[in-house]
Amino acid sequence: MGDPKFQKKLYSTPRHPWEKERIDEERKTINLYGLKNKKELWRSQATLDTIRAQARELQARTRRNDPLAMKQLNLLLSRLNRYKISSSNASLDDILSLTIESVLERRLQTIVFRKNLAKTVKQARQMITHGHILLNGRRVTVPGLMVEAMVEDSIEYSEFSPFIDDKHPIRLVIAGEQKGVEEQPEEQPEEQQDQESSEEVKKNE
């Protein structure tokens, strides 16, 4: 198990630390999902690498007709389906095609933002760390927690949180933005717009 004073690092750093394309891509992902630093991104990448490594090993073992390979494959698919990373009928190729976004979308911070409980993804992180969010009836303060699909609908504000009031300014802003998106009219094709403008000109003449 190891000494608890010397915990093992749960991620691996890039082999080439100064690649501009990779740095720019990491910066975009960090801003998109409101991550604290690159360590959180690398932890998610390590989780994805572990899943892929298991899939590659199972792919090789199924070709050799290993009797335990199918059982372990079903266990892997069950675990991924439990966290809604992939479906239960996914193939090994589907698992190997997973991206880092597939893992980051299942973080508690991301789901709180997707459920319109926060205005921004960074505000969702602040709400979680300050104890405003409940998961399955319990207060959770870990933004990077992987959420299972069966408890995803139980995410809500804490009863002691000021955000539980529908008239809270933040709640009003979120409701207003959501309503504005729903009422936003669909864009008309350019040809139809030109035709309507020409008809208005003729009426004015």
N, C-alpha and C. Protein backbone atom coordinates (compact mmCIF):
# COMPACT_ATOMS: atom_id res chain seq x y z
N MET A 1 0.82 -1.21 0.00
CA MET A 1 0.00 0.00 0.00
C MET A 1 0.85 1.25 0.00
N GLY A 2 2.01 1.17 0.62
CA GLY A 2 2.88 2.33 0.64
C GLY A 2 2.70 3.16 1.89
N ASP A 3 3.69 4.00 2.15
CA ASP A 3 3.64 4.88 3.31
C ASP A 3 2.70 6.04 3.03
N PRO A 4 1.71 6.30 3.91
CA PRO A 4 0.78 7.42 3.66
C PRO A 4 1.47 8.78 3.67
N LYS A 5 2.66 8.86 4.27
CA LYS A 5 3.38 10.13 4.26
C LYS A 5 4.00 10.43 2.90
N PHE A 6 4.20 9.39 2.12
CA PHE A 6 4.82 9.56 0.80
C PHE A 6 3.88 8.98 -0.25
N GLN A 7 2.81 9.72 -0.53
CA GLN A 7 1.81 9.25 -1.48
C GLN A 7 2.34 9.28 -2.90
N LYS A 8 1.91 8.31 -3.67
CA LYS A 8 2.36 8.21 -5.05
C LYS A 8 1.65 9.24 -5.92
N LYS A 9 2.37 9.84 -6.83
CA LYS A 9 1.80 10.83 -7.74
C LYS A 9 0.80 10.16 -8.68
N LEU A 10 -0.38 10.78 -8.83
CA LEU A 10 -1.47 10.19 -9.61
C LEU A 10 -1.48 10.64 -11.06
N TYR A 11 -0.41 11.24 -11.51
CA TYR A 11 -0.35 11.71 -12.89
C TYR A 11 1.10 11.70 -13.35
N SER A 12 1.29 11.82 -14.64
CA SER A 12 2.64 11.91 -15.21
C SER A 12 2.75 13.19 -16.03
N THR A 13 3.85 13.86 -15.90
CA THR A 13 4.06 15.11 -16.62
C THR A 13 4.46 14.82 -18.07
N PRO A 14 4.25 15.78 -18.98
CA PRO A 14 4.63 15.56 -20.39
C PRO A 14 6.13 15.34 -20.55
N ARG A 15 6.46 14.54 -21.54
CA ARG A 15 7.88 14.26 -21.79
C ARG A 15 8.60 15.49 -22.31
N HIS A 16 7.92 16.27 -23.13
CA HIS A 16 8.51 17.50 -23.69
C HIS A 16 7.72 18.69 -23.13
N PRO A 17 8.22 19.35 -22.11
CA PRO A 17 7.42 20.37 -21.40
C PRO A 17 7.21 21.67 -22.17
N TRP A 18 7.95 21.90 -23.25
CA TRP A 18 7.87 23.21 -23.90
C TRP A 18 7.32 23.12 -25.32
N GLU A 19 6.38 22.24 -25.56
CA GLU A 19 5.73 22.16 -26.87
C GLU A 19 4.60 23.19 -26.93
N LYS A 20 4.70 24.12 -27.86
CA LYS A 20 3.75 25.24 -27.90
C LYS A 20 2.33 24.77 -28.20
N GLU A 21 2.18 23.85 -29.16
CA GLU A 21 0.84 23.39 -29.52
C GLU A 21 0.16 22.71 -28.34
N ARG A 22 0.90 21.87 -27.62
CA ARG A 22 0.32 21.19 -26.47
C ARG A 22 -0.03 22.17 -25.36
N ILE A 23 0.84 23.15 -25.13
CA ILE A 23 0.60 24.14 -24.08
C ILE A 23 -0.65 24.96 -24.40
N ASP A 24 -0.80 25.36 -25.65
CA ASP A 24 -1.99 26.13 -26.05
C ASP A 24 -3.25 25.29 -25.91
N GLU A 25 -3.18 24.02 -26.27
CA GLU A 25 -4.34 23.14 -26.15
C GLU A 25 -4.71 22.92 -24.68
N GLU A 26 -3.70 22.74 -23.84
CA GLU A 26 -3.97 22.58 -22.42
C GLU A 26 -4.58 23.83 -21.81
N ARG A 27 -4.11 24.99 -22.25
CA ARG A 27 -4.66 26.24 -21.72
C ARG A 27 -6.13 26.40 -22.10
N LYS A 28 -6.48 26.03 -23.33
CA LYS A 28 -7.88 26.10 -23.75
C LYS A 28 -8.76 25.16 -22.93
N THR A 29 -8.28 23.95 -22.70
CA THR A 29 -9.05 22.98 -21.93
C THR A 29 -9.22 23.43 -20.48
N ILE A 30 -8.17 24.00 -19.90
CA ILE A 30 -8.24 24.48 -18.52
C ILE A 30 -9.25 25.62 -18.39
N ASN A 31 -9.26 26.53 -19.34
CA ASN A 31 -10.22 27.64 -19.31
C ASN A 31 -11.63 27.16 -19.58
N LEU A 32 -11.79 26.17 -20.45
CA LEU A 32 -13.12 25.68 -20.80
C LEU A 32 -13.78 24.97 -19.63
N TYR A 33 -13.01 24.19 -18.87
CA TYR A 33 -13.57 23.41 -17.77
C TYR A 33 -13.26 24.00 -16.40
N GLY A 34 -12.66 25.18 -16.35
CA GLY A 34 -12.42 25.87 -15.09
C GLY A 34 -11.51 25.12 -14.14
N LEU A 35 -10.48 24.47 -14.67
CA LEU A 35 -9.56 23.71 -13.82
C LEU A 35 -8.64 24.65 -13.06
N LYS A 36 -8.19 24.20 -11.90
CA LYS A 36 -7.33 25.04 -11.07
C LYS A 36 -5.93 25.15 -11.65
N ASN A 37 -5.38 24.06 -12.12
CA ASN A 37 -4.03 24.05 -12.68
C ASN A 37 -3.90 22.85 -13.61
N LYS A 38 -2.71 22.67 -14.14
CA LYS A 38 -2.49 21.58 -15.10
C LYS A 38 -2.45 20.22 -14.42
N LYS A 39 -2.21 20.19 -13.12
CA LYS A 39 -2.21 18.91 -12.42
C LYS A 39 -3.57 18.23 -12.52
N GLU A 40 -4.64 19.02 -12.41
CA GLU A 40 -5.99 18.45 -12.52
C GLU A 40 -6.23 17.90 -13.92
N LEU A 41 -5.71 18.61 -14.92
CA LEU A 41 -5.83 18.12 -16.30
C LEU A 41 -5.04 16.83 -16.49
N TRP A 42 -3.85 16.78 -15.92
CA TRP A 42 -3.00 15.59 -16.07
C TRP A 42 -3.58 14.40 -15.31
N ARG A 43 -4.28 14.65 -14.19
CA ARG A 43 -4.94 13.54 -13.49
C ARG A 43 -6.03 12.92 -14.35
N SER A 44 -6.81 13.78 -14.99
CA SER A 44 -7.86 13.27 -15.89
C SER A 44 -7.25 12.53 -17.07
N GLN A 45 -6.14 13.04 -17.57
CA GLN A 45 -5.44 12.36 -18.66
C GLN A 45 -4.92 11.01 -18.22
N ALA A 46 -4.43 10.92 -16.97
CA ALA A 46 -3.96 9.64 -16.45
C ALA A 46 -5.11 8.64 -16.32
N THR A 47 -6.30 9.12 -15.92
CA THR A 47 -7.47 8.25 -15.85
C THR A 47 -7.82 7.71 -17.23
N LEU A 48 -7.79 8.60 -18.23
CA LEU A 48 -8.08 8.18 -19.60
C LEU A 48 -7.03 7.20 -20.11
N ASP A 49 -5.76 7.44 -19.80
CA ASP A 49 -4.69 6.53 -20.24
C ASP A 49 -4.85 5.15 -19.62
N THR A 50 -5.29 5.09 -18.37
CA THR A 50 -5.52 3.80 -17.71
C THR A 50 -6.63 3.03 -18.40
N ILE A 51 -7.71 3.73 -18.75
CA ILE A 51 -8.83 3.08 -19.44
C ILE A 51 -8.38 2.57 -20.80
N ARG A 52 -7.64 3.36 -21.52
CA ARG A 52 -7.15 2.94 -22.84
C ARG A 52 -6.20 1.76 -22.74
N ALA A 53 -5.33 1.77 -21.74
CA ALA A 53 -4.39 0.67 -21.56
C ALA A 53 -5.13 -0.64 -21.29
N GLN A 54 -6.16 -0.58 -20.47
CA GLN A 54 -6.96 -1.78 -20.22
C GLN A 54 -7.65 -2.26 -21.50
N ALA A 55 -8.15 -1.31 -22.29
CA ALA A 55 -8.83 -1.68 -23.53
C ALA A 55 -7.86 -2.32 -24.52
N ARG A 56 -6.65 -1.79 -24.62
CA ARG A 56 -5.65 -2.37 -25.55
C ARG A 56 -5.26 -3.77 -25.11
N GLU A 57 -5.10 -3.95 -23.80
CA GLU A 57 -4.74 -5.28 -23.30
C GLU A 57 -5.87 -6.28 -23.56
N LEU A 58 -7.12 -5.86 -23.33
CA LEU A 58 -8.25 -6.75 -23.57
C LEU A 58 -8.41 -7.05 -25.06
N GLN A 59 -8.09 -6.09 -25.90
CA GLN A 59 -8.18 -6.31 -27.34
C GLN A 59 -7.22 -7.40 -27.78
N ALA A 60 -6.02 -7.38 -27.22
CA ALA A 60 -5.04 -8.41 -27.57
C ALA A 60 -5.44 -9.77 -27.00
N ARG A 61 -5.99 -9.77 -25.81
CA ARG A 61 -6.35 -11.05 -25.17
C ARG A 61 -7.57 -11.69 -25.83
N THR A 62 -8.50 -10.88 -26.32
CA THR A 62 -9.66 -11.45 -27.01
C THR A 62 -9.25 -12.11 -28.32
N ARG A 63 -8.20 -11.60 -28.96
CA ARG A 63 -7.72 -12.22 -30.18
C ARG A 63 -7.10 -13.59 -29.90
N ARG A 64 -6.58 -13.77 -28.69
CA ARG A 64 -6.01 -15.06 -28.30
C ARG A 64 -7.06 -15.97 -27.65
N ASN A 65 -8.33 -15.53 -27.69
CA ASN A 65 -9.45 -16.30 -27.12
C ASN A 65 -9.25 -16.57 -25.63
N ASP A 66 -8.81 -15.55 -24.92
CA ASP A 66 -8.64 -15.67 -23.47
C ASP A 66 -10.02 -15.78 -22.82
N PRO A 67 -10.30 -16.80 -22.01
CA PRO A 67 -11.65 -16.97 -21.43
C PRO A 67 -12.01 -15.88 -20.43
N LEU A 68 -11.01 -15.26 -19.78
CA LEU A 68 -11.30 -14.22 -18.80
C LEU A 68 -11.40 -12.82 -19.42
N ALA A 69 -11.01 -12.71 -20.68
CA ALA A 69 -10.99 -11.40 -21.33
C ALA A 69 -12.40 -10.80 -21.44
N MET A 70 -13.38 -11.62 -21.86
CA MET A 70 -14.75 -11.12 -22.02
C MET A 70 -15.33 -10.71 -20.67
N LYS A 71 -15.02 -11.46 -19.62
CA LYS A 71 -15.53 -11.10 -18.29
C LYS A 71 -14.96 -9.76 -17.84
N GLN A 72 -13.65 -9.56 -18.04
CA GLN A 72 -13.03 -8.30 -17.66
C GLN A 72 -13.52 -7.15 -18.55
N LEU A 73 -13.83 -7.45 -19.82
CA LEU A 73 -14.36 -6.43 -20.71
C LEU A 73 -15.74 -5.97 -20.23
N ASN A 74 -16.57 -6.91 -19.81
CA ASN A 74 -17.89 -6.55 -19.31
C ASN A 74 -17.80 -5.71 -18.03
N LEU A 75 -16.81 -6.03 -17.19
CA LEU A 75 -16.62 -5.24 -15.98
C LEU A 75 -16.16 -3.82 -16.32
N LEU A 76 -15.29 -3.69 -17.32
CA LEU A 76 -14.82 -2.37 -17.74
C LEU A 76 -15.97 -1.56 -18.33
N LEU A 77 -16.78 -2.19 -19.19
CA LEU A 77 -17.91 -1.48 -19.78
C LEU A 77 -18.93 -1.08 -18.72
N SER A 78 -19.12 -1.95 -17.73
CA SER A 78 -20.05 -1.63 -16.65
C SER A 78 -19.58 -0.42 -15.85
N ARG A 79 -18.27 -0.36 -15.60
CA ARG A 79 -17.74 0.78 -14.85
C ARG A 79 -17.85 2.07 -15.64
N LEU A 80 -17.53 2.02 -16.93
CA LEU A 80 -17.64 3.23 -17.77
C LEU A 80 -19.09 3.66 -17.92
N ASN A 81 -19.99 2.70 -18.01
CA ASN A 81 -21.41 3.03 -18.14
C ASN A 81 -21.94 3.62 -16.84
N ARG A 82 -21.40 3.15 -15.70
CA ARG A 82 -21.84 3.67 -14.41
C ARG A 82 -21.51 5.15 -14.27
N TYR A 83 -20.38 5.56 -14.84
CA TYR A 83 -20.00 6.97 -14.81
C TYR A 83 -20.43 7.72 -16.07
N LYS A 84 -21.17 7.06 -16.95
CA LYS A 84 -21.72 7.67 -18.17
C LYS A 84 -20.61 8.16 -19.10
N ILE A 85 -19.46 7.49 -19.05
CA ILE A 85 -18.36 7.82 -19.96
C ILE A 85 -18.59 7.17 -21.32
N SER A 86 -19.17 5.97 -21.32
CA SER A 86 -19.54 5.29 -22.56
C SER A 86 -20.77 4.44 -22.28
N SER A 87 -21.40 3.95 -23.33
CA SER A 87 -22.60 3.14 -23.19
C SER A 87 -22.23 1.69 -22.86
N SER A 88 -23.21 0.93 -22.40
CA SER A 88 -22.96 -0.45 -22.00
C SER A 88 -22.68 -1.36 -23.20
N ASN A 89 -23.16 -0.98 -24.38
CA ASN A 89 -22.94 -1.80 -25.58
C ASN A 89 -21.79 -1.26 -26.43
N ALA A 90 -20.90 -0.49 -25.85
CA ALA A 90 -19.76 0.06 -26.59
C ALA A 90 -18.76 -1.05 -26.89
N SER A 91 -17.99 -0.83 -27.93
CA SER A 91 -16.95 -1.79 -28.32
C SER A 91 -15.59 -1.30 -27.82
N LEU A 92 -14.58 -2.14 -28.00
CA LEU A 92 -13.23 -1.74 -27.60
C LEU A 92 -12.74 -0.55 -28.43
N ASP A 93 -13.15 -0.50 -29.69
CA ASP A 93 -12.77 0.65 -30.52
C ASP A 93 -13.39 1.94 -30.00
N ASP A 94 -14.63 1.84 -29.49
CA ASP A 94 -15.26 3.03 -28.92
C ASP A 94 -14.52 3.49 -27.67
N ILE A 95 -14.05 2.55 -26.87
CA ILE A 95 -13.29 2.92 -25.67
C ILE A 95 -11.97 3.56 -26.04
N LEU A 96 -11.31 3.02 -27.06
CA LEU A 96 -10.03 3.57 -27.48
C LEU A 96 -10.17 4.95 -28.12
N SER A 97 -11.36 5.29 -28.59
CA SER A 97 -11.59 6.59 -29.21
C SER A 97 -12.06 7.65 -28.21
N LEU A 98 -12.10 7.31 -26.93
CA LEU A 98 -12.48 8.30 -25.92
C LEU A 98 -11.45 9.41 -25.85
N THR A 99 -11.92 10.62 -25.52
CA THR A 99 -11.04 11.78 -25.42
C THR A 99 -11.02 12.29 -23.97
N ILE A 100 -10.16 13.25 -23.72
CA ILE A 100 -10.06 13.82 -22.39
C ILE A 100 -11.35 14.52 -21.99
N GLU A 101 -12.08 15.03 -22.99
CA GLU A 101 -13.36 15.68 -22.69
C GLU A 101 -14.38 14.69 -22.13
N SER A 102 -14.28 13.42 -22.53
CA SER A 102 -15.20 12.40 -22.02
C SER A 102 -15.06 12.24 -20.51
N VAL A 103 -13.85 12.41 -20.00
CA VAL A 103 -13.61 12.31 -18.56
C VAL A 103 -13.95 13.62 -17.85
N LEU A 104 -13.56 14.75 -18.44
CA LEU A 104 -13.79 16.04 -17.80
C LEU A 104 -15.28 16.38 -17.70
N GLU A 105 -16.09 15.86 -18.62
CA GLU A 105 -17.53 16.13 -18.58
C GLU A 105 -18.21 15.46 -17.40
N ARG A 106 -17.56 14.48 -16.78
CA ARG A 106 -18.17 13.77 -15.66
C ARG A 106 -17.71 14.31 -14.31
N ARG A 107 -16.92 15.37 -14.29
CA ARG A 107 -16.52 15.99 -13.03
C ARG A 107 -17.71 16.73 -12.43
N LEU A 108 -17.76 16.77 -11.11
CA LEU A 108 -18.86 17.45 -10.42
C LEU A 108 -18.94 18.92 -10.81
N GLN A 109 -17.81 19.55 -10.94
CA GLN A 109 -17.77 20.96 -11.32
C GLN A 109 -18.45 21.20 -12.66
N THR A 110 -18.17 20.36 -13.63
CA THR A 110 -18.76 20.52 -14.96
C THR A 110 -20.26 20.27 -14.93
N ILE A 111 -20.69 19.25 -14.20
CA ILE A 111 -22.11 18.91 -14.18
C ILE A 111 -22.92 19.99 -13.47
N VAL A 112 -22.36 20.58 -12.41
CA VAL A 112 -23.05 21.68 -11.74
C VAL A 112 -23.27 22.84 -12.71
N PHE A 113 -22.29 23.11 -13.53
CA PHE A 113 -22.44 24.18 -14.53
C PHE A 113 -23.43 23.79 -15.62
N ARG A 114 -23.39 22.54 -16.08
CA ARG A 114 -24.32 22.09 -17.13
C ARG A 114 -25.77 22.09 -16.66
N LYS A 115 -25.98 21.91 -15.35
CA LYS A 115 -27.33 21.89 -14.80
C LYS A 115 -27.84 23.30 -14.47
N ASN A 116 -27.09 24.32 -14.89
CA ASN A 116 -27.47 25.73 -14.69
C ASN A 116 -27.62 26.07 -13.20
N LEU A 117 -26.79 25.46 -12.36
CA LEU A 117 -26.75 25.83 -10.96
C LEU A 117 -25.74 26.94 -10.71
N ALA A 118 -24.91 27.24 -11.70
CA ALA A 118 -23.92 28.30 -11.60
C ALA A 118 -23.86 29.05 -12.92
N LYS A 119 -23.45 30.32 -12.83
CA LYS A 119 -23.39 31.15 -14.03
C LYS A 119 -22.22 30.77 -14.91
N THR A 120 -21.08 30.48 -14.30
CA THR A 120 -19.87 30.08 -15.04
C THR A 120 -19.31 28.81 -14.42
N VAL A 121 -18.41 28.18 -15.14
CA VAL A 121 -17.82 26.93 -14.64
C VAL A 121 -16.90 27.23 -13.46
N LYS A 122 -16.30 28.41 -13.42
CA LYS A 122 -15.46 28.76 -12.27
C LYS A 122 -16.31 29.07 -11.05
N GLN A 123 -17.48 29.66 -11.28
CA GLN A 123 -18.39 29.88 -10.15
C GLN A 123 -18.90 28.55 -9.60
N ALA A 124 -19.07 27.56 -10.49
CA ALA A 124 -19.48 26.23 -10.03
C ALA A 124 -18.41 25.65 -9.11
N ARG A 125 -17.16 25.85 -9.42
CA ARG A 125 -16.08 25.37 -8.55
C ARG A 125 -16.13 26.06 -7.20
N GLN A 126 -16.38 27.37 -7.21
CA GLN A 126 -16.45 28.11 -5.95
C GLN A 126 -17.61 27.64 -5.09
N MET A 127 -18.76 27.39 -5.71
CA MET A 127 -19.92 26.91 -4.96
C MET A 127 -19.64 25.57 -4.29
N ILE A 128 -18.94 24.69 -5.01
CA ILE A 128 -18.65 23.36 -4.46
C ILE A 128 -17.68 23.46 -3.29
N THR A 129 -16.60 24.21 -3.45
CA THR A 129 -15.60 24.31 -2.39
C THR A 129 -16.14 25.03 -1.16
N HIS A 130 -17.13 25.91 -1.34
CA HIS A 130 -17.72 26.62 -0.21
C HIS A 130 -18.89 25.87 0.42
N GLY A 131 -19.20 24.67 -0.08
CA GLY A 131 -20.20 23.84 0.54
C GLY A 131 -21.64 24.16 0.18
N HIS A 132 -21.87 24.74 -0.99
CA HIS A 132 -23.24 25.08 -1.40
C HIS A 132 -23.93 23.95 -2.17
N ILE A 133 -23.21 22.89 -2.51
CA ILE A 133 -23.75 21.85 -3.39
C ILE A 133 -23.89 20.53 -2.62
N LEU A 134 -25.02 19.87 -2.84
CA LEU A 134 -25.26 18.54 -2.28
C LEU A 134 -25.26 17.51 -3.39
N LEU A 135 -24.70 16.35 -3.09
CA LEU A 135 -24.72 15.21 -4.00
C LEU A 135 -25.28 14.02 -3.25
N ASN A 136 -26.43 13.56 -3.70
CA ASN A 136 -27.10 12.44 -3.05
C ASN A 136 -27.36 12.74 -1.57
N GLY A 137 -27.74 14.00 -1.30
CA GLY A 137 -28.08 14.41 0.06
C GLY A 137 -26.91 14.74 0.95
N ARG A 138 -25.69 14.67 0.43
CA ARG A 138 -24.51 14.96 1.23
C ARG A 138 -23.73 16.12 0.63
N ARG A 139 -23.17 16.93 1.50
CA ARG A 139 -22.37 18.06 1.04
C ARG A 139 -21.03 17.56 0.52
N VAL A 140 -20.68 18.00 -0.67
CA VAL A 140 -19.43 17.59 -1.32
C VAL A 140 -18.62 18.84 -1.63
N THR A 141 -17.35 18.82 -1.30
CA THR A 141 -16.49 19.99 -1.51
C THR A 141 -15.31 19.68 -2.43
N VAL A 142 -15.45 18.63 -3.25
CA VAL A 142 -14.37 18.22 -4.17
C VAL A 142 -14.85 18.46 -5.60
N PRO A 143 -14.37 19.50 -6.27
CA PRO A 143 -14.85 19.80 -7.63
C PRO A 143 -14.52 18.71 -8.64
N GLY A 144 -13.43 17.98 -8.43
CA GLY A 144 -13.00 16.97 -9.40
C GLY A 144 -13.60 15.60 -9.18
N LEU A 145 -14.60 15.48 -8.31
CA LEU A 145 -15.22 14.19 -8.04
C LEU A 145 -15.93 13.67 -9.29
N MET A 146 -15.69 12.41 -9.64
CA MET A 146 -16.37 11.79 -10.77
C MET A 146 -17.77 11.36 -10.33
N VAL A 147 -18.78 11.84 -11.05
CA VAL A 147 -20.18 11.64 -10.66
C VAL A 147 -20.76 10.45 -11.41
N GLU A 148 -21.36 9.53 -10.67
CA GLU A 148 -22.05 8.40 -11.29
C GLU A 148 -23.38 8.86 -11.88
N ALA A 149 -23.81 8.18 -12.93
CA ALA A 149 -25.04 8.59 -13.63
C ALA A 149 -26.27 8.46 -12.74
N MET A 150 -26.30 7.48 -11.83
CA MET A 150 -27.49 7.24 -11.02
C MET A 150 -27.71 8.31 -9.96
N VAL A 151 -26.68 9.07 -9.61
CA VAL A 151 -26.82 10.13 -8.60
C VAL A 151 -26.71 11.52 -9.21
N GLU A 152 -26.62 11.60 -10.53
CA GLU A 152 -26.46 12.90 -11.18
C GLU A 152 -27.66 13.81 -10.95
N ASP A 153 -28.87 13.23 -10.95
CA ASP A 153 -30.08 14.04 -10.76
C ASP A 153 -30.23 14.54 -9.33
N SER A 154 -29.45 14.01 -8.40
CA SER A 154 -29.57 14.43 -7.00
C SER A 154 -28.72 15.66 -6.68
N ILE A 155 -28.00 16.20 -7.67
CA ILE A 155 -27.18 17.38 -7.43
C ILE A 155 -28.10 18.59 -7.26
N GLU A 156 -27.94 19.30 -6.16
CA GLU A 156 -28.80 20.44 -5.85
C GLU A 156 -28.09 21.36 -4.87
N TYR A 157 -28.74 22.50 -4.60
CA TYR A 157 -28.20 23.41 -3.60
C TYR A 157 -28.44 22.86 -2.19
N SER A 158 -27.53 23.21 -1.29
CA SER A 158 -27.71 22.84 0.10
C SER A 158 -28.85 23.66 0.69
N GLU A 159 -29.57 23.07 1.64
CA GLU A 159 -30.68 23.78 2.27
C GLU A 159 -30.21 24.97 3.09
N PHE A 160 -28.94 25.00 3.46
CA PHE A 160 -28.39 26.12 4.22
C PHE A 160 -27.71 27.15 3.31
N SER A 161 -27.73 26.92 2.01
CA SER A 161 -27.09 27.83 1.06
C SER A 161 -28.03 28.97 0.70
N PRO A 162 -27.52 30.19 0.58
CA PRO A 162 -28.38 31.30 0.15
C PRO A 162 -28.86 31.15 -1.30
N PHE A 163 -28.19 30.31 -2.08
CA PHE A 163 -28.58 30.12 -3.48
C PHE A 163 -29.87 29.32 -3.62
N ILE A 164 -30.35 28.75 -2.54
CA ILE A 164 -31.59 27.97 -2.63
C ILE A 164 -32.80 28.87 -2.84
N ASP A 165 -32.64 30.16 -2.54
CA ASP A 165 -33.71 31.14 -2.76
C ASP A 165 -33.80 31.47 -4.24
N ASP A 166 -35.01 31.31 -4.82
CA ASP A 166 -35.19 31.58 -6.25
C ASP A 166 -34.96 33.04 -6.60
N LYS A 167 -35.07 33.93 -5.60
CA LYS A 167 -34.91 35.37 -5.86
C LYS A 167 -33.49 35.86 -5.60
N HIS A 168 -32.59 34.93 -5.38
CA HIS A 168 -31.18 35.31 -5.21
C HIS A 168 -30.68 35.92 -6.52
N PRO A 169 -29.88 37.00 -6.47
CA PRO A 169 -29.43 37.67 -7.71
C PRO A 169 -28.77 36.71 -8.71
N ILE A 170 -27.96 35.79 -8.22
CA ILE A 170 -27.30 34.85 -9.14
C ILE A 170 -28.33 33.95 -9.80
N ARG A 171 -29.33 33.49 -9.04
CA ARG A 171 -30.37 32.65 -9.62
C ARG A 171 -31.17 33.41 -10.67
N LEU A 172 -31.42 34.69 -10.43
CA LEU A 172 -32.16 35.50 -11.40
C LEU A 172 -31.36 35.70 -12.68
N VAL A 173 -30.05 35.88 -12.53
CA VAL A 173 -29.20 36.04 -13.72
C VAL A 173 -29.18 34.76 -14.54
N ILE A 174 -29.04 33.62 -13.86
CA ILE A 174 -29.01 32.33 -14.56
C ILE A 174 -30.33 32.09 -15.27
N ALA A 175 -31.46 32.36 -14.57
CA ALA A 175 -32.77 32.16 -15.17
C ALA A 175 -33.00 33.09 -16.35
N GLY A 176 -32.50 34.32 -16.24
CA GLY A 176 -32.65 35.27 -17.35
C GLY A 176 -31.86 34.87 -18.57
N GLU A 177 -30.62 34.38 -18.37
CA GLU A 177 -29.80 33.94 -19.50
C GLU A 177 -30.41 32.71 -20.16
N GLN A 178 -30.90 31.78 -19.36
CA GLN A 178 -31.51 30.57 -19.92
C GLN A 178 -32.77 30.91 -20.72
N LYS A 179 -33.57 31.85 -20.18
CA LYS A 179 -34.78 32.25 -20.88
C LYS A 179 -34.45 32.97 -22.18
N GLY A 180 -33.36 33.77 -22.16
CA GLY A 180 -32.96 34.47 -23.38
C GLY A 180 -32.51 33.52 -24.47
N VAL A 181 -31.83 32.44 -24.08
CA VAL A 181 -31.40 31.45 -25.06
C VAL A 181 -32.59 30.73 -25.67
N GLU A 182 -33.59 30.41 -24.82
CA GLU A 182 -34.77 29.69 -25.32
C GLU A 182 -35.61 30.56 -26.24
N GLU A 183 -35.68 31.88 -25.97
CA GLU A 183 -36.52 32.77 -26.77
C GLU A 183 -35.79 33.37 -27.96
N GLN A 184 -34.52 33.04 -28.11
CA GLN A 184 -33.75 33.61 -29.21
C GLN A 184 -34.31 33.12 -30.54
N PRO A 185 -34.70 34.03 -31.46
CA PRO A 185 -35.29 33.60 -32.73
C PRO A 185 -34.27 32.94 -33.63
N GLU A 186 -34.77 32.03 -34.45
CA GLU A 186 -33.90 31.34 -35.39
C GLU A 186 -33.50 32.28 -36.52
N GLU A 187 -32.26 32.14 -36.97
CA GLU A 187 -31.76 32.98 -38.05
C GLU A 187 -32.36 32.53 -39.37
N GLN A 188 -32.83 33.50 -40.12
CA GLN A 188 -33.40 33.20 -41.43
C GLN A 188 -32.32 33.11 -42.49
N PRO A 189 -32.53 32.32 -43.51
CA PRO A 189 -31.55 32.26 -44.60
C PRO A 189 -31.36 33.63 -45.24
N GLU A 190 -30.18 33.85 -45.82
CA GLU A 190 -29.87 35.15 -46.42
C GLU A 190 -30.81 35.48 -47.58
N GLU A 191 -31.18 34.45 -48.37
CA GLU A 191 -32.07 34.70 -49.50
C GLU A 191 -33.43 35.19 -49.02
N GLN A 192 -33.94 34.59 -47.94
CA GLN A 192 -35.23 35.00 -47.42
C GLN A 192 -35.15 36.40 -46.83
N GLN A 193 -34.04 36.74 -46.17
CA GLN A 193 -33.88 38.08 -45.63
C GLN A 193 -33.83 39.11 -46.75
N ASP A 194 -33.11 38.81 -47.85
CA ASP A 194 -33.03 39.74 -48.98
C ASP A 194 -34.40 39.94 -49.61
N GLN A 195 -35.17 38.86 -49.70
CA GLN A 195 -36.50 38.95 -50.30
C GLN A 195 -37.42 39.82 -49.45
N GLU A 196 -37.38 39.65 -48.13
CA GLU A 196 -38.23 40.45 -47.26
C GLU A 196 -37.82 41.91 -47.29
N SER A 197 -36.52 42.19 -47.33
CA SER A 197 -36.07 43.58 -47.37
C SER A 197 -36.48 44.25 -48.68
N SER A 198 -36.43 43.51 -49.81
CA SER A 198 -36.85 44.08 -51.08
C SER A 198 -38.34 44.36 -51.10
N GLU A 199 -39.14 43.49 -50.46
CA GLU A 199 -40.58 43.73 -50.39
C GLU A 199 -40.89 44.97 -49.55
N GLU A 200 -40.14 45.18 -48.47
CA GLU A 200 -40.36 46.37 -47.65
C GLU A 200 -40.00 47.62 -48.43
N VAL A 201 -38.97 47.58 -49.25
CA VAL A 201 -38.58 48.74 -50.06
C VAL A 201 -39.67 49.08 -51.06
N LYS A 202 -40.25 48.05 -51.69
CA LYS A 202 -41.31 48.28 -52.67
C LYS A 202 -42.54 48.90 -52.01
N LYS A 203 -42.86 48.44 -50.77
CA LYS A 203 -44.02 48.99 -50.06
C LYS A 203 -43.80 50.47 -49.75
N ASN A 204 -42.58 50.82 -49.36
CA ASN A 204 -42.26 52.21 -49.03
C ASN A 204 -42.32 53.11 -50.25
N GLU A 205 -41.99 52.53 -51.44
CA GLU A 205 -42.06 53.33 -52.67
C GLU A 205 -43.51 53.59 -53.06
